[in-house]
Amino acid sequence: MGAYIVGNDLAQKDKEERERQISLVKHGVERASQLKTDILRVFAGNPKPDFPNYQAAKDILVSSFKEVSSFAKGRGITLALENHGQLCARTDEILDLLNEVDSPSLRLNLDIANFLEVGEDPVSSVRKLAHLAVHTHIKDFKKVDGKVIPTLVGEGDIDLEGCLKTLKEKNYQGYLSLEYEAEVDSKVG
């Protein structure tokens, strides 16, 4: 198994809800260990009125990730933060968070198409982040009328070949996971 996943949101102002989300990640760590995988894919969270952007959520995220990273380290699990959503999805935000947490148990789940959602060039972002990645999602998106929509892999705007070449150049050793989100029947995908 390449990775176990949890759908957490650590960007919580309410202490009780934040503790619930931290517990969700810790449970995911235990489950990953039971399933004999050493990677748990996690999220930072989603924007909300209290935390409209990364800077507003940074202190809570750093504190929460320090706690769950320490827990994961004690069990031999690496947390793989996915660049998902709009809260901690930009290259500079990811680098800042990982630098602030400063734990070998917090690394990156690169999702190459998600960079398009935050207006970044996926190849450039992969080049800057590949050394931190332990898992990678391969998928494709296309810009249509100012929106980013999922497509079949190879039919979107992502330079997939460029991203894969960059991963190879950076000696990426992690898993590549094909992720399908398009509305076309999954048998076609």
N, C-alpha and C. Protein backbone atom coordinates (compact mmCIF):
# COMPACT_ATOMS: atom_id res chain seq x y z
N MET A 1 0.86 -1.17 0.00
CA MET A 1 0.00 0.00 0.00
C MET A 1 0.90 1.23 0.00
N GLY A 2 0.63 2.15 -0.91
CA GLY A 2 1.42 3.37 -1.01
C GLY A 2 1.23 4.32 0.15
N ALA A 3 -0.01 4.51 0.56
CA ALA A 3 -0.30 5.45 1.65
C ALA A 3 -1.70 5.20 2.17
N TYR A 4 -1.90 5.49 3.43
CA TYR A 4 -3.23 5.55 4.02
C TYR A 4 -3.61 7.03 4.03
N ILE A 5 -4.89 7.35 4.03
CA ILE A 5 -5.29 8.76 3.98
C ILE A 5 -6.30 9.10 5.06
N VAL A 6 -6.26 10.35 5.49
CA VAL A 6 -7.31 10.90 6.34
C VAL A 6 -7.76 12.22 5.72
N GLY A 7 -9.00 12.59 5.97
CA GLY A 7 -9.57 13.84 5.46
C GLY A 7 -9.70 14.86 6.57
N ASN A 8 -8.60 15.26 7.14
CA ASN A 8 -8.59 16.15 8.30
C ASN A 8 -8.60 17.63 7.91
N ASP A 9 -8.87 18.48 8.89
CA ASP A 9 -8.82 19.95 8.74
C ASP A 9 -8.30 20.52 10.06
N LEU A 10 -6.99 20.76 10.13
CA LEU A 10 -6.37 21.23 11.37
C LEU A 10 -6.55 22.72 11.61
N ALA A 11 -7.05 23.44 10.64
CA ALA A 11 -7.23 24.90 10.78
C ALA A 11 -8.53 25.19 11.52
N GLN A 12 -8.50 24.95 12.81
CA GLN A 12 -9.69 25.11 13.66
C GLN A 12 -9.38 26.06 14.80
N LYS A 13 -10.16 27.12 14.92
CA LYS A 13 -9.99 28.05 16.04
C LYS A 13 -10.52 27.44 17.34
N ASP A 14 -11.64 26.72 17.23
CA ASP A 14 -12.25 26.08 18.39
C ASP A 14 -11.34 24.94 18.88
N LYS A 15 -10.89 25.04 20.12
CA LYS A 15 -9.93 24.07 20.67
C LYS A 15 -10.47 22.65 20.64
N GLU A 16 -11.74 22.48 20.98
CA GLU A 16 -12.34 21.14 21.00
C GLU A 16 -12.34 20.52 19.60
N GLU A 17 -12.71 21.31 18.60
CA GLU A 17 -12.73 20.79 17.22
C GLU A 17 -11.31 20.52 16.73
N ARG A 18 -10.37 21.38 17.08
CA ARG A 18 -8.98 21.16 16.69
C ARG A 18 -8.47 19.86 17.31
N GLU A 19 -8.79 19.62 18.58
CA GLU A 19 -8.38 18.38 19.23
C GLU A 19 -9.01 17.16 18.55
N ARG A 20 -10.25 17.32 18.11
CA ARG A 20 -10.92 16.23 17.38
C ARG A 20 -10.17 15.93 16.08
N GLN A 21 -9.75 16.99 15.38
CA GLN A 21 -9.02 16.81 14.12
C GLN A 21 -7.63 16.21 14.37
N ILE A 22 -6.98 16.63 15.43
CA ILE A 22 -5.68 16.05 15.80
C ILE A 22 -5.85 14.57 16.12
N SER A 23 -6.91 14.23 16.83
CA SER A 23 -7.20 12.82 17.14
C SER A 23 -7.46 12.01 15.87
N LEU A 24 -8.11 12.63 14.90
CA LEU A 24 -8.36 11.97 13.62
C LEU A 24 -7.04 11.61 12.94
N VAL A 25 -6.10 12.55 12.94
CA VAL A 25 -4.79 12.29 12.34
C VAL A 25 -4.06 11.20 13.13
N LYS A 26 -4.10 11.28 14.44
CA LYS A 26 -3.43 10.26 15.26
C LYS A 26 -4.03 8.87 15.03
N HIS A 27 -5.34 8.81 14.90
CA HIS A 27 -5.99 7.54 14.58
C HIS A 27 -5.51 7.04 13.21
N GLY A 28 -5.37 7.96 12.25
CA GLY A 28 -4.85 7.61 10.93
C GLY A 28 -3.44 7.05 11.01
N VAL A 29 -2.63 7.62 11.87
CA VAL A 29 -1.26 7.12 12.09
C VAL A 29 -1.31 5.68 12.58
N GLU A 30 -2.16 5.43 13.56
CA GLU A 30 -2.30 4.07 14.11
C GLU A 30 -2.78 3.10 13.03
N ARG A 31 -3.74 3.55 12.24
CA ARG A 31 -4.29 2.70 11.18
C ARG A 31 -3.24 2.41 10.11
N ALA A 32 -2.48 3.44 9.72
CA ALA A 32 -1.41 3.24 8.74
C ALA A 32 -0.41 2.20 9.24
N SER A 33 -0.08 2.29 10.50
CA SER A 33 0.85 1.33 11.10
C SER A 33 0.27 -0.09 11.06
N GLN A 34 -1.00 -0.22 11.40
CA GLN A 34 -1.66 -1.54 11.35
C GLN A 34 -1.66 -2.11 9.94
N LEU A 35 -1.80 -1.23 8.95
CA LEU A 35 -1.86 -1.67 7.56
C LEU A 35 -0.48 -1.82 6.92
N LYS A 36 0.55 -1.60 7.71
CA LYS A 36 1.94 -1.77 7.27
C LYS A 36 2.35 -0.81 6.15
N THR A 37 1.82 0.40 6.21
CA THR A 37 2.31 1.45 5.33
C THR A 37 2.95 2.51 6.21
N ASP A 38 3.96 3.15 5.71
CA ASP A 38 4.65 4.14 6.53
C ASP A 38 4.33 5.58 6.13
N ILE A 39 3.30 5.75 5.30
CA ILE A 39 2.91 7.10 4.85
C ILE A 39 1.43 7.32 5.14
N LEU A 40 1.13 8.47 5.73
CA LEU A 40 -0.25 8.90 5.96
C LEU A 40 -0.44 10.24 5.27
N ARG A 41 -1.33 10.29 4.27
CA ARG A 41 -1.63 11.55 3.59
C ARG A 41 -2.55 12.39 4.47
N VAL A 42 -2.19 13.66 4.66
CA VAL A 42 -2.96 14.58 5.50
C VAL A 42 -3.16 15.90 4.77
N PHE A 43 -4.10 16.69 5.28
CA PHE A 43 -4.36 18.04 4.78
C PHE A 43 -4.03 19.05 5.87
N ALA A 44 -3.82 20.30 5.46
CA ALA A 44 -3.71 21.40 6.43
C ALA A 44 -5.12 21.80 6.86
N GLY A 45 -5.98 22.05 5.89
CA GLY A 45 -7.35 22.46 6.19
C GLY A 45 -7.90 23.36 5.12
N ASN A 46 -9.07 23.86 5.38
CA ASN A 46 -9.77 24.71 4.41
C ASN A 46 -9.92 26.13 4.94
N PRO A 47 -9.93 27.11 4.04
CA PRO A 47 -10.17 28.49 4.48
C PRO A 47 -11.55 28.60 5.13
N LYS A 48 -11.64 29.50 6.10
CA LYS A 48 -12.90 29.76 6.80
C LYS A 48 -12.81 31.17 7.37
N PRO A 49 -13.88 31.74 7.88
CA PRO A 49 -13.83 33.13 8.35
C PRO A 49 -12.69 33.43 9.32
N ASP A 50 -12.42 32.54 10.26
CA ASP A 50 -11.32 32.77 11.21
C ASP A 50 -9.94 32.62 10.56
N PHE A 51 -9.88 31.79 9.53
CA PHE A 51 -8.61 31.51 8.85
C PHE A 51 -8.80 31.61 7.34
N PRO A 52 -8.88 32.84 6.81
CA PRO A 52 -9.13 33.00 5.38
C PRO A 52 -7.92 32.67 4.51
N ASN A 53 -6.73 32.59 5.11
CA ASN A 53 -5.52 32.31 4.34
C ASN A 53 -4.48 31.64 5.24
N TYR A 54 -3.39 31.24 4.62
CA TYR A 54 -2.35 30.53 5.36
C TYR A 54 -1.78 31.35 6.51
N GLN A 55 -1.48 32.61 6.26
CA GLN A 55 -0.87 33.44 7.31
C GLN A 55 -1.75 33.51 8.56
N ALA A 56 -3.05 33.61 8.36
CA ALA A 56 -3.98 33.68 9.49
C ALA A 56 -4.01 32.37 10.28
N ALA A 57 -3.80 31.26 9.59
CA ALA A 57 -3.88 29.94 10.22
C ALA A 57 -2.51 29.39 10.64
N LYS A 58 -1.45 30.07 10.28
CA LYS A 58 -0.10 29.53 10.44
C LYS A 58 0.21 29.04 11.85
N ASP A 59 -0.04 29.85 12.87
CA ASP A 59 0.32 29.45 14.23
C ASP A 59 -0.39 28.17 14.67
N ILE A 60 -1.68 28.09 14.36
CA ILE A 60 -2.47 26.90 14.71
C ILE A 60 -1.94 25.69 13.93
N LEU A 61 -1.65 25.88 12.64
CA LEU A 61 -1.16 24.77 11.82
C LEU A 61 0.20 24.29 12.30
N VAL A 62 1.11 25.21 12.58
CA VAL A 62 2.44 24.82 13.05
C VAL A 62 2.33 24.03 14.36
N SER A 63 1.57 24.55 15.29
CA SER A 63 1.39 23.87 16.58
C SER A 63 0.78 22.48 16.40
N SER A 64 -0.27 22.40 15.60
CA SER A 64 -0.96 21.12 15.38
C SER A 64 -0.05 20.12 14.67
N PHE A 65 0.66 20.58 13.64
CA PHE A 65 1.53 19.66 12.91
C PHE A 65 2.74 19.23 13.75
N LYS A 66 3.22 20.08 14.64
CA LYS A 66 4.29 19.64 15.54
C LYS A 66 3.80 18.49 16.41
N GLU A 67 2.58 18.61 16.92
CA GLU A 67 2.03 17.55 17.77
C GLU A 67 1.84 16.25 17.01
N VAL A 68 1.20 16.31 15.85
CA VAL A 68 0.92 15.06 15.12
C VAL A 68 2.19 14.48 14.50
N SER A 69 3.14 15.33 14.13
CA SER A 69 4.41 14.83 13.59
C SER A 69 5.20 14.07 14.65
N SER A 70 5.20 14.60 15.86
CA SER A 70 5.88 13.92 16.96
C SER A 70 5.24 12.56 17.23
N PHE A 71 3.91 12.53 17.22
CA PHE A 71 3.18 11.28 17.41
C PHE A 71 3.52 10.28 16.30
N ALA A 72 3.53 10.76 15.05
CA ALA A 72 3.83 9.90 13.91
C ALA A 72 5.26 9.37 13.96
N LYS A 73 6.19 10.23 14.33
CA LYS A 73 7.60 9.82 14.40
C LYS A 73 7.78 8.65 15.36
N GLY A 74 7.09 8.69 16.48
CA GLY A 74 7.19 7.62 17.47
C GLY A 74 6.66 6.29 16.97
N ARG A 75 5.95 6.30 15.88
CA ARG A 75 5.37 5.08 15.32
C ARG A 75 5.94 4.74 13.95
N GLY A 76 6.96 5.48 13.52
CA GLY A 76 7.60 5.19 12.24
C GLY A 76 6.78 5.58 11.02
N ILE A 77 5.88 6.54 11.19
CA ILE A 77 5.00 6.98 10.10
C ILE A 77 5.42 8.37 9.65
N THR A 78 5.41 8.59 8.34
CA THR A 78 5.65 9.91 7.78
C THR A 78 4.32 10.50 7.34
N LEU A 79 4.03 11.70 7.81
CA LEU A 79 2.84 12.43 7.36
C LEU A 79 3.17 13.09 6.03
N ALA A 80 2.32 12.90 5.05
CA ALA A 80 2.52 13.47 3.72
C ALA A 80 1.45 14.54 3.49
N LEU A 81 1.83 15.79 3.70
CA LEU A 81 0.92 16.92 3.54
C LEU A 81 0.62 17.14 2.07
N GLU A 82 -0.65 17.05 1.70
CA GLU A 82 -1.03 17.31 0.31
C GLU A 82 -1.30 18.79 0.10
N ASN A 83 -0.82 19.31 -1.01
CA ASN A 83 -1.11 20.68 -1.42
C ASN A 83 -2.54 20.70 -1.97
N HIS A 84 -3.48 20.73 -1.06
CA HIS A 84 -4.90 20.57 -1.38
C HIS A 84 -5.68 21.77 -0.88
N GLY A 85 -6.63 22.23 -1.66
CA GLY A 85 -7.45 23.36 -1.24
C GLY A 85 -6.72 24.67 -1.40
N GLN A 86 -7.13 25.65 -0.65
CA GLN A 86 -6.57 26.99 -0.82
C GLN A 86 -5.82 27.49 0.41
N LEU A 87 -5.72 26.69 1.46
CA LEU A 87 -5.14 27.20 2.71
C LEU A 87 -3.62 27.06 2.77
N CYS A 88 -3.10 25.93 2.42
CA CYS A 88 -1.64 25.71 2.41
C CYS A 88 -1.32 24.91 1.16
N ALA A 89 -1.54 25.53 0.01
CA ALA A 89 -1.39 24.83 -1.26
C ALA A 89 -0.34 25.46 -2.17
N ARG A 90 0.10 26.66 -1.82
CA ARG A 90 1.11 27.34 -2.63
C ARG A 90 2.51 26.89 -2.18
N THR A 91 3.41 26.90 -3.14
CA THR A 91 4.77 26.43 -2.87
C THR A 91 5.40 27.13 -1.68
N ASP A 92 5.32 28.45 -1.62
CA ASP A 92 5.95 29.18 -0.52
C ASP A 92 5.30 28.85 0.83
N GLU A 93 4.00 28.61 0.85
CA GLU A 93 3.31 28.25 2.09
C GLU A 93 3.74 26.87 2.58
N ILE A 94 3.84 25.94 1.64
CA ILE A 94 4.25 24.58 1.98
C ILE A 94 5.67 24.59 2.56
N LEU A 95 6.57 25.29 1.86
CA LEU A 95 7.95 25.37 2.34
C LEU A 95 8.02 26.01 3.72
N ASP A 96 7.23 27.05 3.93
CA ASP A 96 7.22 27.73 5.22
C ASP A 96 6.72 26.81 6.33
N LEU A 97 5.62 26.12 6.09
CA LEU A 97 5.06 25.23 7.11
C LEU A 97 6.04 24.10 7.45
N LEU A 98 6.58 23.45 6.44
CA LEU A 98 7.51 22.35 6.71
C LEU A 98 8.77 22.85 7.42
N ASN A 99 9.22 24.03 7.07
CA ASN A 99 10.38 24.62 7.75
C ASN A 99 10.06 24.93 9.21
N GLU A 100 8.89 25.50 9.47
CA GLU A 100 8.50 25.86 10.84
C GLU A 100 8.29 24.63 11.72
N VAL A 101 7.68 23.60 11.16
CA VAL A 101 7.44 22.37 11.94
C VAL A 101 8.77 21.63 12.15
N ASP A 102 9.60 21.62 11.13
CA ASP A 102 10.96 21.08 11.22
C ASP A 102 11.00 19.67 11.79
N SER A 103 10.26 18.78 11.14
CA SER A 103 10.22 17.38 11.56
C SER A 103 10.45 16.46 10.36
N PRO A 104 11.31 15.45 10.52
CA PRO A 104 11.49 14.49 9.43
C PRO A 104 10.23 13.65 9.20
N SER A 105 9.28 13.73 10.11
CA SER A 105 8.03 12.98 9.98
C SER A 105 6.93 13.76 9.27
N LEU A 106 7.23 14.98 8.83
CA LEU A 106 6.28 15.75 8.02
C LEU A 106 6.93 16.05 6.69
N ARG A 107 6.39 15.43 5.65
CA ARG A 107 6.88 15.63 4.29
C ARG A 107 5.70 16.00 3.40
N LEU A 108 5.81 15.71 2.13
CA LEU A 108 4.85 16.24 1.17
C LEU A 108 4.25 15.15 0.29
N ASN A 109 2.94 15.28 0.07
CA ASN A 109 2.23 14.53 -0.96
C ASN A 109 2.00 15.53 -2.08
N LEU A 110 2.85 15.49 -3.09
CA LEU A 110 2.69 16.40 -4.23
C LEU A 110 1.45 16.01 -5.02
N ASP A 111 0.57 16.95 -5.24
CA ASP A 111 -0.55 16.74 -6.17
C ASP A 111 -0.32 17.73 -7.29
N ILE A 112 0.21 17.24 -8.40
CA ILE A 112 0.71 18.16 -9.43
C ILE A 112 -0.38 19.04 -10.03
N ALA A 113 -1.59 18.54 -10.15
CA ALA A 113 -2.66 19.36 -10.75
C ALA A 113 -3.15 20.44 -9.80
N ASN A 114 -3.05 20.21 -8.50
CA ASN A 114 -3.56 21.20 -7.54
C ASN A 114 -2.81 22.53 -7.60
N PHE A 115 -1.59 22.52 -8.12
CA PHE A 115 -0.87 23.79 -8.25
C PHE A 115 -1.58 24.73 -9.23
N LEU A 116 -2.24 24.16 -10.23
CA LEU A 116 -2.98 24.98 -11.20
C LEU A 116 -4.12 25.73 -10.51
N GLU A 117 -4.71 25.13 -9.49
CA GLU A 117 -5.82 25.76 -8.76
C GLU A 117 -5.39 27.02 -8.01
N VAL A 118 -4.11 27.11 -7.66
CA VAL A 118 -3.63 28.29 -6.94
C VAL A 118 -2.77 29.18 -7.83
N GLY A 119 -2.89 28.98 -9.15
CA GLY A 119 -2.23 29.86 -10.11
C GLY A 119 -0.73 29.64 -10.26
N GLU A 120 -0.24 28.47 -9.88
CA GLU A 120 1.18 28.19 -10.02
C GLU A 120 1.45 27.23 -11.17
N ASP A 121 2.64 27.33 -11.72
CA ASP A 121 3.07 26.41 -12.77
C ASP A 121 3.48 25.09 -12.11
N PRO A 122 2.79 23.99 -12.43
CA PRO A 122 3.09 22.72 -11.77
C PRO A 122 4.55 22.27 -11.91
N VAL A 123 5.15 22.43 -13.08
CA VAL A 123 6.54 21.99 -13.26
C VAL A 123 7.47 22.77 -12.33
N SER A 124 7.28 24.07 -12.27
CA SER A 124 8.10 24.91 -11.39
C SER A 124 7.92 24.52 -9.93
N SER A 125 6.68 24.29 -9.52
CA SER A 125 6.41 23.90 -8.13
C SER A 125 7.01 22.54 -7.81
N VAL A 126 6.88 21.59 -8.73
CA VAL A 126 7.47 20.26 -8.53
C VAL A 126 8.98 20.39 -8.38
N ARG A 127 9.59 21.24 -9.20
CA ARG A 127 11.05 21.44 -9.13
C ARG A 127 11.47 21.92 -7.74
N LYS A 128 10.68 22.80 -7.15
CA LYS A 128 11.02 23.38 -5.84
C LYS A 128 10.69 22.46 -4.67
N LEU A 129 9.79 21.51 -4.88
CA LEU A 129 9.29 20.71 -3.76
C LEU A 129 9.62 19.22 -3.81
N ALA A 130 10.11 18.73 -4.94
CA ALA A 130 10.31 17.28 -5.11
C ALA A 130 11.18 16.67 -4.02
N HIS A 131 12.15 17.41 -3.53
CA HIS A 131 13.05 16.87 -2.50
C HIS A 131 12.34 16.59 -1.17
N LEU A 132 11.14 17.13 -1.01
CA LEU A 132 10.37 16.93 0.21
C LEU A 132 9.25 15.90 0.05
N ALA A 133 9.04 15.43 -1.17
CA ALA A 133 7.90 14.57 -1.48
C ALA A 133 8.18 13.11 -1.17
N VAL A 134 7.16 12.45 -0.61
CA VAL A 134 7.22 11.01 -0.37
C VAL A 134 6.10 10.27 -1.11
N HIS A 135 5.19 11.02 -1.67
CA HIS A 135 4.07 10.46 -2.42
C HIS A 135 3.62 11.52 -3.43
N THR A 136 3.15 11.08 -4.60
CA THR A 136 2.74 12.04 -5.63
C THR A 136 1.44 11.58 -6.28
N HIS A 137 0.51 12.53 -6.43
CA HIS A 137 -0.72 12.28 -7.18
C HIS A 137 -0.55 12.82 -8.59
N ILE A 138 -0.85 11.97 -9.56
CA ILE A 138 -0.83 12.36 -10.96
C ILE A 138 -2.28 12.49 -11.41
N LYS A 139 -2.66 13.69 -11.80
CA LYS A 139 -3.99 13.92 -12.36
C LYS A 139 -3.90 15.12 -13.27
N ASP A 140 -5.01 15.46 -13.92
CA ASP A 140 -4.98 16.55 -14.89
C ASP A 140 -6.18 17.46 -14.70
N PHE A 141 -5.95 18.74 -14.89
CA PHE A 141 -6.99 19.77 -14.84
C PHE A 141 -6.88 20.64 -16.08
N LYS A 142 -7.98 21.32 -16.36
CA LYS A 142 -8.03 22.24 -17.48
C LYS A 142 -8.69 23.53 -17.01
N LYS A 143 -8.18 24.65 -17.51
CA LYS A 143 -8.82 25.94 -17.21
C LYS A 143 -9.92 26.19 -18.25
N VAL A 144 -11.14 26.42 -17.75
CA VAL A 144 -12.28 26.70 -18.61
C VAL A 144 -13.05 27.88 -18.01
N ASP A 145 -13.14 28.96 -18.75
CA ASP A 145 -13.86 30.16 -18.29
C ASP A 145 -13.40 30.61 -16.89
N GLY A 146 -12.10 30.59 -16.67
CA GLY A 146 -11.56 31.05 -15.40
C GLY A 146 -11.65 30.05 -14.26
N LYS A 147 -12.20 28.88 -14.53
CA LYS A 147 -12.32 27.84 -13.51
C LYS A 147 -11.40 26.68 -13.87
N VAL A 148 -11.00 25.94 -12.86
CA VAL A 148 -10.18 24.76 -13.06
C VAL A 148 -11.08 23.54 -12.90
N ILE A 149 -11.12 22.70 -13.95
CA ILE A 149 -11.98 21.51 -13.89
C ILE A 149 -11.14 20.25 -14.14
N PRO A 150 -11.51 19.15 -13.51
CA PRO A 150 -10.80 17.89 -13.72
C PRO A 150 -11.05 17.35 -15.13
N THR A 151 -10.04 16.72 -15.68
CA THR A 151 -10.14 16.09 -17.00
C THR A 151 -9.51 14.70 -16.93
N LEU A 152 -9.66 13.97 -18.01
CA LEU A 152 -8.92 12.72 -18.13
C LEU A 152 -7.43 13.06 -18.17
N VAL A 153 -6.61 12.21 -17.61
CA VAL A 153 -5.16 12.44 -17.62
C VAL A 153 -4.69 12.52 -19.07
N GLY A 154 -3.98 13.60 -19.36
CA GLY A 154 -3.47 13.82 -20.72
C GLY A 154 -4.33 14.75 -21.54
N GLU A 155 -5.52 15.09 -21.05
CA GLU A 155 -6.42 15.97 -21.81
C GLU A 155 -6.53 17.36 -21.21
N GLY A 156 -5.77 17.65 -20.19
CA GLY A 156 -5.85 18.94 -19.53
C GLY A 156 -4.68 19.84 -19.85
N ASP A 157 -4.48 20.82 -18.98
CA ASP A 157 -3.44 21.83 -19.18
C ASP A 157 -2.15 21.54 -18.43
N ILE A 158 -2.09 20.46 -17.69
CA ILE A 158 -0.90 20.14 -16.91
C ILE A 158 0.17 19.54 -17.83
N ASP A 159 1.39 20.02 -17.70
CA ASP A 159 2.53 19.45 -18.43
C ASP A 159 2.97 18.21 -17.67
N LEU A 160 2.25 17.12 -17.89
CA LEU A 160 2.53 15.88 -17.16
C LEU A 160 3.93 15.36 -17.43
N GLU A 161 4.33 15.39 -18.70
CA GLU A 161 5.67 14.92 -19.05
C GLU A 161 6.74 15.77 -18.35
N GLY A 162 6.54 17.08 -18.33
CA GLY A 162 7.48 17.96 -17.65
C GLY A 162 7.56 17.69 -16.16
N CYS A 163 6.40 17.44 -15.54
CA CYS A 163 6.38 17.13 -14.10
C CYS A 163 7.10 15.81 -13.81
N LEU A 164 6.82 14.79 -14.63
CA LEU A 164 7.45 13.49 -14.41
C LEU A 164 8.95 13.54 -14.66
N LYS A 165 9.37 14.27 -15.70
CA LYS A 165 10.81 14.43 -15.96
C LYS A 165 11.49 15.14 -14.79
N THR A 166 10.82 16.15 -14.25
CA THR A 166 11.38 16.89 -13.12
C THR A 166 11.52 15.99 -11.90
N LEU A 167 10.51 15.17 -11.63
CA LEU A 167 10.61 14.22 -10.52
C LEU A 167 11.80 13.28 -10.71
N LYS A 168 11.99 12.81 -11.94
CA LYS A 168 13.12 11.92 -12.22
C LYS A 168 14.44 12.65 -12.03
N GLU A 169 14.53 13.88 -12.55
CA GLU A 169 15.75 14.68 -12.40
C GLU A 169 16.09 14.92 -10.93
N LYS A 170 15.07 15.06 -10.10
CA LYS A 170 15.27 15.32 -8.67
C LYS A 170 15.42 14.03 -7.87
N ASN A 171 15.50 12.90 -8.59
CA ASN A 171 15.70 11.59 -7.97
C ASN A 171 14.58 11.22 -7.00
N TYR A 172 13.36 11.58 -7.37
CA TYR A 172 12.19 11.23 -6.55
C TYR A 172 12.08 9.72 -6.43
N GLN A 173 11.90 9.22 -5.21
CA GLN A 173 11.85 7.78 -4.95
C GLN A 173 10.50 7.31 -4.44
N GLY A 174 9.53 8.21 -4.31
CA GLY A 174 8.24 7.84 -3.73
C GLY A 174 7.27 7.23 -4.72
N TYR A 175 6.07 7.00 -4.25
CA TYR A 175 5.01 6.43 -5.07
C TYR A 175 4.44 7.47 -6.03
N LEU A 176 3.95 6.99 -7.18
CA LEU A 176 3.15 7.78 -8.10
C LEU A 176 1.76 7.17 -8.09
N SER A 177 0.77 7.98 -7.79
CA SER A 177 -0.60 7.50 -7.67
C SER A 177 -1.47 8.22 -8.70
N LEU A 178 -2.10 7.49 -9.58
CA LEU A 178 -2.99 8.10 -10.56
C LEU A 178 -4.30 8.44 -9.85
N GLU A 179 -4.66 9.71 -9.88
CA GLU A 179 -5.87 10.17 -9.20
C GLU A 179 -6.87 10.63 -10.26
N TYR A 180 -8.06 10.12 -10.17
CA TYR A 180 -9.08 10.41 -11.18
C TYR A 180 -10.22 11.20 -10.57
N GLU A 181 -10.50 12.39 -11.11
CA GLU A 181 -11.57 13.24 -10.58
C GLU A 181 -12.55 13.72 -11.64
N ALA A 182 -12.32 13.38 -12.90
CA ALA A 182 -13.18 13.87 -13.97
C ALA A 182 -14.59 13.27 -13.86
N GLU A 183 -15.53 13.92 -14.53
CA GLU A 183 -16.92 13.47 -14.47
C GLU A 183 -17.23 12.35 -15.45
N VAL A 184 -16.31 12.05 -16.35
CA VAL A 184 -16.49 10.96 -17.30
C VAL A 184 -16.46 9.65 -16.51
N ASP A 185 -17.20 8.65 -16.98
CA ASP A 185 -17.25 7.35 -16.33
C ASP A 185 -15.85 6.89 -15.93
N SER A 186 -15.69 6.41 -14.72
CA SER A 186 -14.37 6.02 -14.22
C SER A 186 -13.75 4.88 -15.04
N LYS A 187 -14.56 4.10 -15.74
CA LYS A 187 -14.01 3.05 -16.60
C LYS A 187 -13.22 3.67 -17.74
N VAL A 188 -13.65 4.83 -18.20
CA VAL A 188 -12.94 5.55 -19.26
C VAL A 188 -11.67 6.15 -18.69
N GLY A 189 -11.76 6.66 -17.45
CA GLY A 189 -10.63 7.30 -16.79
C GLY A 189 -9.49 6.36 -16.57
